[in-house]
Each structure stands twice: as structure tokens, then as C-alpha cells.
Amino acid sequence: MAVTNGESRFLFLVVVWSGLYFIEGVVNHGISYSLAIQFIANVIVGGSLVAHCMLVKSEHKLTKLNTFLPVCGLVLGVVAILSNMQGMSLLVQQAELGDLNGFVVRISSIGLMVLALSLWLMPIITKSKPVTVMLVISSVIMAVASFLTALSM
């Protein structure tokens, strides 16, 4: 199935429009940059996880991707956690004043992201072949983490 010139233009338009919409949301609606970085990292890690799951299900022959994709996800996860350190101090102050919702949601999203990344890295740690079921579970956990990140925006 070949991609036509019109389809590639439409895809480019969708990507540009989505990027501009996200930038407008960050700039005009006061969303913190650290939270935006965590959201972007969650989405990219989740997409990579789903792609890796489909590759493993199709019994691909690119064995280097079994290491490359989880390690890239780990790097993005660390970036997301480090970017949230500044915002967490504000949430701790709000929690001390009695508003626990933002703190609990943000900590839950970070914890679920760490859990999903840990499950994704298990085959590398145990030096075994990735299993589709483990990747599906990790993808679902990552989707919940992304949802919680979106709730805290």
C-alpha cells in the first residue's frame, strides 16, 4: 500500500496542527512546562511501548530493538521525573494546606510510569526474550499514567 502525496500532506498538517495546539495550551493556559514535558514523555514512551508490543507479537527479527526501545523509554522517563522536581515542591505546599488532589494524582502518574518502565525493562534485566503479555500490561499501565498526567494539567 503506497502513501499518496495528498495523504502525506494531510499527515503533516495533522502533526503541525497538534503541535501548535499543544504549544498554545502551554503558553496561553498556564500549564507548567515540567508537566508538559512529563505529558510528552508519557505519550512518547507509551507509543514506543505499543510499537514494541506489536513488534514482539509479530515475532520480528530486529533483536537490537528489544534493547533500544526500553532504554530510550527509560531515558525519557528519567527526563520526565527530573522535570517534575520543581513542580512537586509546589504540590507539597498545597498538600500541607489541605489540597491533596493534585499531589496524589501527580505522584500516582509518576509511580505508574515507573512501574510500566520497570515491567518493560524486565526482559533486559533477566536477559530473556520479551513476552507480549508483559508488554500489553505495561502499555495499559502507561496509558493510565498518561491519563493521570492529563488530569493533573
N, C-alpha and C. Protein backbone atom coordinates (compact mmCIF):
# COMPACT_ATOMS: atom_id res chain seq x y z
N MET A 1 0.84 -1.16 0.00
CA MET A 1 0.00 0.00 0.00
C MET A 1 0.89 1.24 0.00
N ALA A 2 0.80 2.02 -1.02
CA ALA A 2 1.63 3.21 -1.17
C ALA A 2 0.91 4.42 -0.59
N VAL A 3 1.68 5.32 -0.02
CA VAL A 3 1.13 6.56 0.53
C VAL A 3 1.18 7.61 -0.56
N THR A 4 0.03 8.22 -0.81
CA THR A 4 -0.02 9.23 -1.86
C THR A 4 0.48 10.56 -1.32
N ASN A 5 0.73 11.49 -2.22
CA ASN A 5 1.21 12.81 -1.86
C ASN A 5 0.18 13.54 -1.00
N GLY A 6 -1.09 13.38 -1.30
CA GLY A 6 -2.15 14.02 -0.53
C GLY A 6 -2.23 13.49 0.90
N GLU A 7 -2.04 12.17 1.04
CA GLU A 7 -2.07 11.59 2.38
C GLU A 7 -0.90 12.08 3.22
N SER A 8 0.28 12.19 2.62
CA SER A 8 1.43 12.67 3.38
C SER A 8 1.26 14.13 3.76
N ARG A 9 0.65 14.94 2.90
CA ARG A 9 0.37 16.34 3.25
C ARG A 9 -0.63 16.43 4.39
N PHE A 10 -1.65 15.59 4.34
CA PHE A 10 -2.65 15.58 5.41
C PHE A 10 -2.01 15.17 6.74
N LEU A 11 -1.17 14.15 6.72
CA LEU A 11 -0.49 13.71 7.94
C LEU A 11 0.40 14.83 8.49
N PHE A 12 1.10 15.52 7.61
CA PHE A 12 1.94 16.64 8.03
C PHE A 12 1.09 17.74 8.66
N LEU A 13 -0.05 18.02 8.06
CA LEU A 13 -0.95 19.03 8.59
C LEU A 13 -1.46 18.65 9.98
N VAL A 14 -1.82 17.40 10.16
CA VAL A 14 -2.31 16.93 11.46
C VAL A 14 -1.22 17.06 12.52
N VAL A 15 0.00 16.67 12.19
CA VAL A 15 1.10 16.76 13.15
C VAL A 15 1.39 18.22 13.52
N VAL A 16 1.45 19.09 12.53
CA VAL A 16 1.71 20.51 12.80
C VAL A 16 0.57 21.12 13.61
N TRP A 17 -0.67 20.83 13.25
CA TRP A 17 -1.81 21.37 13.97
C TRP A 17 -1.80 20.89 15.42
N SER A 18 -1.52 19.63 15.66
CA SER A 18 -1.47 19.09 17.02
C SER A 18 -0.36 19.77 17.82
N GLY A 19 0.79 19.95 17.22
CA GLY A 19 1.89 20.62 17.91
C GLY A 19 1.55 22.05 18.27
N LEU A 20 0.94 22.78 17.34
CA LEU A 20 0.55 24.16 17.61
C LEU A 20 -0.53 24.24 18.69
N TYR A 21 -1.45 23.29 18.67
CA TYR A 21 -2.50 23.26 19.70
C TYR A 21 -1.89 23.03 21.07
N PHE A 22 -0.92 22.13 21.15
CA PHE A 22 -0.26 21.84 22.42
C PHE A 22 0.52 23.06 22.90
N ILE A 23 1.27 23.70 22.00
CA ILE A 23 2.04 24.90 22.37
C ILE A 23 1.10 26.00 22.84
N GLU A 24 -0.02 26.18 22.16
CA GLU A 24 -0.98 27.20 22.56
C GLU A 24 -1.53 26.89 23.95
N GLY A 25 -1.76 25.64 24.24
CA GLY A 25 -2.26 25.25 25.57
C GLY A 25 -1.25 25.54 26.66
N VAL A 26 0.02 25.29 26.39
CA VAL A 26 1.06 25.55 27.39
C VAL A 26 1.23 27.05 27.59
N VAL A 27 1.29 27.81 26.50
CA VAL A 27 1.58 29.24 26.60
C VAL A 27 0.39 30.03 27.14
N ASN A 28 -0.80 29.80 26.62
CA ASN A 28 -1.94 30.64 26.96
C ASN A 28 -2.74 30.19 28.18
N HIS A 29 -2.62 28.94 28.57
CA HIS A 29 -3.45 28.45 29.67
C HIS A 29 -2.66 28.15 30.92
N GLY A 30 -1.42 28.55 30.97
CA GLY A 30 -0.64 28.46 32.19
C GLY A 30 -0.25 27.06 32.64
N ILE A 31 -0.23 26.12 31.73
CA ILE A 31 0.22 24.77 32.09
C ILE A 31 1.73 24.83 32.30
N SER A 32 2.21 24.24 33.38
CA SER A 32 3.64 24.31 33.66
C SER A 32 4.43 23.50 32.63
N TYR A 33 5.61 24.00 32.35
CA TYR A 33 6.45 23.32 31.36
C TYR A 33 6.89 21.94 31.84
N SER A 34 7.11 21.79 33.15
CA SER A 34 7.52 20.49 33.66
C SER A 34 6.41 19.45 33.46
N LEU A 35 5.18 19.87 33.66
CA LEU A 35 4.05 18.96 33.45
C LEU A 35 3.89 18.65 31.97
N ALA A 36 4.12 19.65 31.12
CA ALA A 36 4.05 19.42 29.67
C ALA A 36 5.13 18.43 29.23
N ILE A 37 6.33 18.57 29.79
CA ILE A 37 7.42 17.63 29.46
C ILE A 37 7.05 16.23 29.90
N GLN A 38 6.47 16.09 31.11
CA GLN A 38 6.07 14.77 31.57
C GLN A 38 4.99 14.19 30.67
N PHE A 39 4.03 15.00 30.25
CA PHE A 39 2.97 14.51 29.39
C PHE A 39 3.52 14.05 28.05
N ILE A 40 4.40 14.85 27.45
CA ILE A 40 5.01 14.47 26.17
C ILE A 40 5.82 13.18 26.33
N ALA A 41 6.59 13.09 27.41
CA ALA A 41 7.39 11.87 27.64
C ALA A 41 6.49 10.66 27.81
N ASN A 42 5.39 10.82 28.56
CA ASN A 42 4.46 9.70 28.74
C ASN A 42 3.87 9.23 27.42
N VAL A 43 3.50 10.18 26.58
CA VAL A 43 2.91 9.81 25.29
C VAL A 43 3.93 9.12 24.39
N ILE A 44 5.15 9.64 24.34
CA ILE A 44 6.19 9.03 23.50
C ILE A 44 6.56 7.65 24.03
N VAL A 45 6.71 7.53 25.34
CA VAL A 45 7.04 6.22 25.93
C VAL A 45 5.90 5.24 25.68
N GLY A 46 4.67 5.69 25.87
CA GLY A 46 3.52 4.81 25.62
C GLY A 46 3.44 4.35 24.17
N GLY A 47 3.69 5.26 23.25
CA GLY A 47 3.69 4.89 21.83
C GLY A 47 4.79 3.91 21.49
N SER A 48 5.97 4.13 22.06
CA SER A 48 7.08 3.21 21.83
C SER A 48 6.78 1.84 22.43
N LEU A 49 6.12 1.85 23.57
CA LEU A 49 5.77 0.58 24.21
C LEU A 49 4.77 -0.20 23.37
N VAL A 50 3.77 0.48 22.84
CA VAL A 50 2.79 -0.19 21.98
C VAL A 50 3.46 -0.70 20.70
N ALA A 51 4.36 0.11 20.13
CA ALA A 51 5.08 -0.32 18.92
C ALA A 51 5.92 -1.55 19.21
N HIS A 52 6.61 -1.56 20.36
CA HIS A 52 7.42 -2.72 20.73
C HIS A 52 6.54 -3.94 20.95
N CYS A 53 5.38 -3.73 21.54
CA CYS A 53 4.44 -4.84 21.76
C CYS A 53 4.01 -5.45 20.42
N MET A 54 3.71 -4.59 19.45
CA MET A 54 3.31 -5.11 18.13
C MET A 54 4.46 -5.81 17.44
N LEU A 55 5.68 -5.30 17.60
CA LEU A 55 6.84 -5.96 17.01
C LEU A 55 7.06 -7.34 17.61
N VAL A 56 6.93 -7.44 18.93
CA VAL A 56 7.12 -8.73 19.60
C VAL A 56 6.02 -9.69 19.19
N LYS A 57 4.79 -9.21 19.09
CA LYS A 57 3.68 -10.06 18.67
C LYS A 57 3.88 -10.59 17.25
N SER A 58 4.48 -9.76 16.39
CA SER A 58 4.72 -10.20 15.01
C SER A 58 6.00 -11.01 14.87
N GLU A 59 6.67 -11.28 15.99
CA GLU A 59 7.90 -12.09 16.02
C GLU A 59 8.96 -11.51 15.08
N HIS A 60 9.29 -10.25 15.32
CA HIS A 60 10.24 -9.54 14.48
C HIS A 60 11.65 -10.12 14.64
N LYS A 61 12.50 -9.79 13.70
CA LYS A 61 13.88 -10.29 13.72
C LYS A 61 14.88 -9.21 14.14
N LEU A 62 14.40 -8.02 14.46
CA LEU A 62 15.27 -6.91 14.85
C LEU A 62 15.52 -6.97 16.36
N THR A 63 16.40 -7.84 16.78
CA THR A 63 16.62 -8.08 18.21
C THR A 63 17.23 -6.88 18.92
N LYS A 64 17.92 -6.00 18.21
CA LYS A 64 18.50 -4.82 18.85
C LYS A 64 17.41 -3.87 19.34
N LEU A 65 16.24 -3.89 18.70
CA LEU A 65 15.13 -3.04 19.15
C LEU A 65 14.61 -3.48 20.52
N ASN A 66 14.78 -4.77 20.86
CA ASN A 66 14.35 -5.26 22.16
C ASN A 66 15.13 -4.61 23.29
N THR A 67 16.29 -4.08 23.00
CA THR A 67 17.08 -3.35 23.99
C THR A 67 16.95 -1.84 23.79
N PHE A 68 16.97 -1.41 22.54
CA PHE A 68 16.98 0.03 22.24
C PHE A 68 15.71 0.73 22.71
N LEU A 69 14.54 0.19 22.40
CA LEU A 69 13.29 0.86 22.76
C LEU A 69 13.10 0.99 24.27
N PRO A 70 13.31 -0.07 25.07
CA PRO A 70 13.16 0.11 26.52
C PRO A 70 14.19 1.08 27.12
N VAL A 71 15.41 1.09 26.61
CA VAL A 71 16.42 2.01 27.15
C VAL A 71 16.05 3.45 26.81
N CYS A 72 15.55 3.70 25.60
CA CYS A 72 15.08 5.04 25.24
C CYS A 72 13.91 5.45 26.13
N GLY A 73 13.02 4.51 26.41
CA GLY A 73 11.91 4.78 27.32
C GLY A 73 12.39 5.12 28.72
N LEU A 74 13.42 4.43 29.18
CA LEU A 74 13.99 4.72 30.49
C LEU A 74 14.57 6.13 30.54
N VAL A 75 15.27 6.53 29.49
CA VAL A 75 15.86 7.87 29.43
C VAL A 75 14.75 8.92 29.46
N LEU A 76 13.71 8.72 28.67
CA LEU A 76 12.59 9.67 28.67
C LEU A 76 11.88 9.70 30.02
N GLY A 77 11.77 8.56 30.66
CA GLY A 77 11.16 8.51 31.98
C GLY A 77 11.95 9.29 33.01
N VAL A 78 13.27 9.16 32.96
CA VAL A 78 14.12 9.93 33.88
C VAL A 78 13.98 11.42 33.61
N VAL A 79 13.94 11.80 32.33
CA VAL A 79 13.74 13.21 31.98
C VAL A 79 12.41 13.72 32.54
N ALA A 80 11.36 12.93 32.42
CA ALA A 80 10.05 13.34 32.92
C ALA A 80 10.07 13.50 34.44
N ILE A 81 10.71 12.57 35.13
CA ILE A 81 10.76 12.66 36.60
C ILE A 81 11.59 13.86 37.04
N LEU A 82 12.73 14.07 36.40
CA LEU A 82 13.57 15.21 36.77
C LEU A 82 12.89 16.54 36.47
N SER A 83 12.13 16.59 35.40
CA SER A 83 11.43 17.84 35.06
C SER A 83 10.34 18.17 36.06
N ASN A 84 9.86 17.18 36.80
CA ASN A 84 8.78 17.40 37.76
C ASN A 84 9.25 17.75 39.16
N MET A 85 10.54 17.74 39.40
CA MET A 85 11.02 18.01 40.75
C MET A 85 10.63 19.41 41.22
N GLN A 86 10.71 20.40 40.36
CA GLN A 86 10.36 21.76 40.75
C GLN A 86 8.85 21.88 41.03
N GLY A 87 8.05 21.29 40.18
CA GLY A 87 6.60 21.36 40.37
C GLY A 87 6.12 20.60 41.59
N MET A 88 6.87 19.59 42.00
CA MET A 88 6.47 18.80 43.16
C MET A 88 6.53 19.63 44.44
N SER A 89 7.47 20.56 44.54
CA SER A 89 7.56 21.37 45.75
C SER A 89 6.30 22.22 45.93
N LEU A 90 5.76 22.73 44.84
CA LEU A 90 4.51 23.48 44.91
C LEU A 90 3.36 22.58 45.34
N LEU A 91 3.32 21.36 44.81
CA LEU A 91 2.25 20.43 45.18
C LEU A 91 2.36 20.00 46.64
N VAL A 92 3.59 19.88 47.15
CA VAL A 92 3.77 19.54 48.57
C VAL A 92 3.24 20.68 49.44
N GLN A 93 3.52 21.91 49.03
CA GLN A 93 2.99 23.06 49.79
C GLN A 93 1.47 23.08 49.78
N GLN A 94 0.87 22.77 48.63
CA GLN A 94 -0.59 22.72 48.56
C GLN A 94 -1.14 21.59 49.41
N ALA A 95 -0.42 20.45 49.45
CA ALA A 95 -0.86 19.32 50.27
C ALA A 95 -0.81 19.68 51.75
N GLU A 96 0.19 20.46 52.15
CA GLU A 96 0.28 20.88 53.55
C GLU A 96 -0.88 21.79 53.94
N LEU A 97 -1.42 22.50 52.96
CA LEU A 97 -2.56 23.38 53.21
C LEU A 97 -3.89 22.64 53.12
N GLY A 98 -3.85 21.36 52.79
CA GLY A 98 -5.07 20.54 52.78
C GLY A 98 -5.56 20.12 51.41
N ASP A 99 -4.96 20.61 50.34
CA ASP A 99 -5.38 20.23 48.98
C ASP A 99 -4.51 19.07 48.50
N LEU A 100 -5.00 17.86 48.71
CA LEU A 100 -4.21 16.67 48.39
C LEU A 100 -4.41 16.15 46.97
N ASN A 101 -5.44 16.60 46.28
CA ASN A 101 -5.79 16.02 44.98
C ASN A 101 -4.65 16.09 43.97
N GLY A 102 -4.11 17.27 43.74
CA GLY A 102 -3.04 17.43 42.76
C GLY A 102 -1.82 16.61 43.09
N PHE A 103 -1.47 16.58 44.37
CA PHE A 103 -0.29 15.82 44.82
C PHE A 103 -0.48 14.33 44.57
N VAL A 104 -1.64 13.81 44.96
CA VAL A 104 -1.91 12.37 44.82
C VAL A 104 -1.95 11.97 43.35
N VAL A 105 -2.59 12.79 42.52
CA VAL A 105 -2.69 12.45 41.09
C VAL A 105 -1.31 12.47 40.44
N ARG A 106 -0.50 13.50 40.74
CA ARG A 106 0.83 13.60 40.12
C ARG A 106 1.75 12.47 40.59
N ILE A 107 1.75 12.18 41.88
CA ILE A 107 2.58 11.09 42.40
C ILE A 107 2.12 9.75 41.82
N SER A 108 0.82 9.58 41.69
CA SER A 108 0.30 8.33 41.10
C SER A 108 0.74 8.18 39.66
N SER A 109 0.70 9.27 38.90
CA SER A 109 1.10 9.18 37.49
C SER A 109 2.59 8.86 37.37
N ILE A 110 3.41 9.46 38.22
CA ILE A 110 4.85 9.17 38.18
C ILE A 110 5.11 7.74 38.62
N GLY A 111 4.43 7.29 39.66
CA GLY A 111 4.61 5.92 40.14
C GLY A 111 4.19 4.89 39.11
N LEU A 112 3.08 5.13 38.43
CA LEU A 112 2.64 4.20 37.39
C LEU A 112 3.59 4.20 36.20
N MET A 113 4.15 5.36 35.87
CA MET A 113 5.13 5.40 34.79
C MET A 113 6.37 4.59 35.16
N VAL A 114 6.81 4.71 36.41
CA VAL A 114 7.97 3.93 36.86
C VAL A 114 7.65 2.43 36.83
N LEU A 115 6.45 2.06 37.24
CA LEU A 115 6.05 0.66 37.20
C LEU A 115 6.02 0.13 35.77
N ALA A 116 5.45 0.90 34.85
CA ALA A 116 5.39 0.48 33.44
C ALA A 116 6.79 0.33 32.86
N LEU A 117 7.66 1.29 33.15
CA LEU A 117 9.04 1.19 32.65
C LEU A 117 9.77 -0.01 33.26
N SER A 118 9.51 -0.29 34.53
CA SER A 118 10.15 -1.45 35.17
C SER A 118 9.73 -2.74 34.51
N LEU A 119 8.43 -2.87 34.24
CA LEU A 119 7.96 -4.07 33.54
C LEU A 119 8.55 -4.18 32.15
N TRP A 120 8.69 -3.03 31.47
CA TRP A 120 9.25 -3.02 30.13
C TRP A 120 10.72 -3.40 30.13
N LEU A 121 11.43 -3.04 31.17
CA LEU A 121 12.86 -3.36 31.26
C LEU A 121 13.15 -4.76 31.81
N MET A 122 12.14 -5.45 32.32
CA MET A 122 12.35 -6.78 32.91
C MET A 122 13.08 -7.76 31.99
N PRO A 123 12.72 -7.85 30.70
CA PRO A 123 13.45 -8.80 29.84
C PRO A 123 14.94 -8.46 29.72
N ILE A 124 15.29 -7.19 29.77
CA ILE A 124 16.71 -6.82 29.71
C ILE A 124 17.41 -7.22 31.00
N ILE A 125 16.75 -6.98 32.14
CA ILE A 125 17.35 -7.30 33.44
C ILE A 125 17.52 -8.81 33.59
N THR A 126 16.50 -9.57 33.19
CA THR A 126 16.56 -11.03 33.34
C THR A 126 17.21 -11.73 32.15
N LYS A 127 17.59 -10.95 31.13
CA LYS A 127 18.22 -11.47 29.91
C LYS A 127 17.37 -12.55 29.26
N SER A 128 16.08 -12.23 29.12
CA SER A 128 15.15 -13.14 28.47
C SER A 128 14.49 -12.43 27.30
N LYS A 129 13.73 -13.20 26.55
CA LYS A 129 13.03 -12.66 25.39
C LYS A 129 11.76 -11.94 25.86
N PRO A 130 11.44 -10.76 25.29
CA PRO A 130 10.21 -10.06 25.70
C PRO A 130 8.96 -10.87 25.40
N VAL A 131 8.00 -10.77 26.30
CA VAL A 131 6.74 -11.51 26.18
C VAL A 131 5.62 -10.49 25.91
N THR A 132 4.75 -10.83 24.99
CA THR A 132 3.69 -9.91 24.58
C THR A 132 2.79 -9.53 25.75
N VAL A 133 2.43 -10.50 26.58
CA VAL A 133 1.51 -10.22 27.69
C VAL A 133 2.11 -9.17 28.64
N MET A 134 3.39 -9.29 28.94
CA MET A 134 4.05 -8.32 29.82
C MET A 134 4.04 -6.93 29.19
N LEU A 135 4.26 -6.86 27.88
CA LEU A 135 4.26 -5.57 27.21
C LEU A 135 2.86 -4.97 27.14
N VAL A 136 1.84 -5.80 26.99
CA VAL A 136 0.47 -5.31 26.98
C VAL A 136 0.11 -4.74 28.35
N ILE A 137 0.47 -5.46 29.42
CA ILE A 137 0.21 -4.96 30.78
C ILE A 137 0.94 -3.64 31.01
N SER A 138 2.18 -3.58 30.58
CA SER A 138 2.96 -2.35 30.72
C SER A 138 2.33 -1.21 29.92
N SER A 139 1.81 -1.50 28.74
CA SER A 139 1.15 -0.47 27.92
C SER A 139 -0.11 0.06 28.59
N VAL A 140 -0.88 -0.83 29.19
CA VAL A 140 -2.10 -0.40 29.88
C VAL A 140 -1.75 0.48 31.08
N ILE A 141 -0.74 0.08 31.83
CA ILE A 141 -0.30 0.88 32.98
C ILE A 141 0.19 2.24 32.51
N MET A 142 0.91 2.27 31.41
CA MET A 142 1.41 3.54 30.87
C MET A 142 0.26 4.42 30.40
N ALA A 143 -0.78 3.82 29.84
CA ALA A 143 -1.95 4.59 29.41
C ALA A 143 -2.64 5.24 30.62
N VAL A 144 -2.74 4.51 31.71
CA VAL A 144 -3.33 5.07 32.93
C VAL A 144 -2.45 6.20 33.47
N ALA A 145 -1.13 6.02 33.41
CA ALA A 145 -0.21 7.07 33.85
C ALA A 145 -0.37 8.32 33.01
N SER A 146 -0.52 8.16 31.71
CA SER A 146 -0.73 9.31 30.82
C SER A 146 -2.06 10.00 31.12
N PHE A 147 -3.08 9.20 31.40
CA PHE A 147 -4.38 9.76 31.75
C PHE A 147 -4.30 10.58 33.03
N LEU A 148 -3.61 10.05 34.03
CA LEU A 148 -3.46 10.78 35.29
C LEU A 148 -2.64 12.06 35.11
N THR A 149 -1.65 12.00 34.23
CA THR A 149 -0.87 13.22 33.93
C THR A 149 -1.78 14.26 33.30
N ALA A 150 -2.64 13.83 32.39
CA ALA A 150 -3.56 14.77 31.74
C ALA A 150 -4.54 15.34 32.76
N LEU A 151 -4.97 14.53 33.74
CA LEU A 151 -5.87 15.03 34.78
C LEU A 151 -5.22 16.10 35.64
N SER A 152 -3.91 15.98 35.84
CA SER A 152 -3.24 16.95 36.71
C SER A 152 -2.88 18.23 35.99
N MET A 153 -3.20 18.33 34.69
CA MET A 153 -2.88 19.56 33.93
C MET A 153 -3.84 20.65 34.27
